[in-house]
Amino acid sequence: CNGVFEEMAGIAARTTGLEGTSLQRAQRALTYIKNRDRADEAEIRAEFATYFDGVA
């Protein structure tokens, strides 16, 4: 996708959720996180969306 947000969004829209062993591995990894990030996801996503404005 070369950092083009529209391409990244298109790819992400076609992905599926984790299942089976992959899901179990991800869940196990999350148990090791003691102090989870309390950031506002919508705010972070909005900020991220602006990162490529100057190069797209």
C-alpha atoms as a PDB file:
ATOM      1  CA  CYS A   1       0.000   0.000   0.000  1.00  0.00           C
ATOM      2  CA  ASN A   2       3.069   2.314   0.208  1.00  0.00           C
ATOM      3  CA  GLY A   3       1.556   4.396   3.007  1.00  0.00           C
ATOM      4  CA  VAL A   4      -1.475   5.582   1.031  1.00  0.00           C
ATOM      5  CA  PHE A   5      -4.251   5.686   3.609  1.00  0.00           C
ATOM      6  CA  GLU A   6      -7.030   4.805   1.161  1.00  0.00           C
ATOM      7  CA  GLU A   7      -5.107   1.708   0.073  1.00  0.00           C
ATOM      8  CA  MET A   8      -4.429   0.719   3.687  1.00  0.00           C
ATOM      9  CA  ALA A   9      -8.104   1.150   4.553  1.00  0.00           C
ATOM     10  CA  GLY A  10      -9.095  -0.969   1.554  1.00  0.00           C
ATOM     11  CA  ILE A  11      -6.746  -3.755   2.579  1.00  0.00           C
ATOM     12  CA  ALA A  12      -7.847  -3.600   6.217  1.00  0.00           C
ATOM     13  CA  ALA A  13     -11.506  -3.762   5.183  1.00  0.00           C
ATOM     14  CA  ARG A  14     -10.877  -7.114   3.487  1.00  0.00           C
ATOM     15  CA  THR A  15      -9.092  -8.789   6.384  1.00  0.00           C
ATOM     16  CA  THR A  16     -10.692 -11.220   8.785  1.00  0.00           C
ATOM     17  CA  GLY A  17     -10.436 -11.434  12.532  1.00  0.00           C
ATOM     18  CA  LEU A  18      -7.946 -13.712  14.226  1.00  0.00           C
ATOM     19  CA  GLU A  19      -9.009 -17.305  14.766  1.00  0.00           C
ATOM     20  CA  GLY A  20      -7.639 -20.492  16.238  1.00  0.00           C
ATOM     21  CA  THR A  21      -3.974 -20.577  17.198  1.00  0.00           C
ATOM     22  CA  SER A  22      -3.365 -17.001  16.074  1.00  0.00           C
ATOM     23  CA  LEU A  23      -6.160 -15.716  18.302  1.00  0.00           C
ATOM     24  CA  GLN A  24      -4.934 -17.781  21.240  1.00  0.00           C
ATOM     25  CA  ARG A  25      -1.392 -16.459  20.791  1.00  0.00           C
ATOM     26  CA  ALA A  26      -2.620 -12.853  20.657  1.00  0.00           C
ATOM     27  CA  GLN A  27      -4.778 -13.320  23.748  1.00  0.00           C
ATOM     28  CA  ARG A  28      -1.865 -14.865  25.619  1.00  0.00           C
ATOM     29  CA  ALA A  29       0.392 -11.953  24.633  1.00  0.00           C
ATOM     30  CA  LEU A  30      -2.182  -9.473  25.950  1.00  0.00           C
ATOM     31  CA  THR A  31      -2.107 -11.124  29.372  1.00  0.00           C
ATOM     32  CA  TYR A  32       1.496  -9.928  29.739  1.00  0.00           C
ATOM     33  CA  ILE A  33       0.543  -6.279  29.372  1.00  0.00           C
ATOM     34  CA  LYS A  34       0.214  -4.963  32.915  1.00  0.00           C
ATOM     35  CA  ASN A  35      -0.463  -1.265  32.241  1.00  0.00           C
ATOM     36  CA  ARG A  36      -2.597  -1.089  29.150  1.00  0.00           C
ATOM     37  CA  ASP A  37      -2.598   2.075  27.099  1.00  0.00           C
ATOM     38  CA  ARG A  38      -5.485   4.346  28.055  1.00  0.00           C
ATOM     39  CA  ALA A  39      -5.235   6.479  24.901  1.00  0.00           C
ATOM     40  CA  ASP A  40      -8.405   7.463  23.058  1.00  0.00           C
ATOM     41  CA  GLU A  41      -8.380   5.204  19.995  1.00  0.00           C
ATOM     42  CA  ALA A  42     -10.547   7.529  17.879  1.00  0.00           C
ATOM     43  CA  GLU A  43      -8.238  10.447  18.647  1.00  0.00           C
ATOM     44  CA  ILE A  44      -5.133   8.435  17.773  1.00  0.00           C
ATOM     45  CA  ARG A  45      -6.696   7.191  14.519  1.00  0.00           C
ATOM     46  CA  ALA A  46      -7.651  10.752  13.555  1.00  0.00           C
ATOM     47  CA  GLU A  47      -4.086  11.900  14.199  1.00  0.00           C
ATOM     48  CA  PHE A  48      -2.668   8.978  12.212  1.00  0.00           C
ATOM     49  CA  ALA A  49      -4.924   9.825   9.270  1.00  0.00           C
ATOM     50  CA  THR A  50      -3.192  13.215   8.983  1.00  0.00           C
ATOM     51  CA  TYR A  51       0.329  11.772   8.782  1.00  0.00           C
ATOM     52  CA  PHE A  52       0.204  11.135   5.056  1.00  0.00           C
ATOM     53  CA  ASP A  53      -1.604  14.296   3.936  1.00  0.00           C
ATOM     54  CA  GLY A  54       1.625  15.931   2.803  1.00  0.00           C
ATOM     55  CA  VAL A  55       2.874  12.982   0.761  1.00  0.00           C
ATOM     56  CA  ALA A  56      -0.256  11.469  -0.726  1.00  0.00           C
END
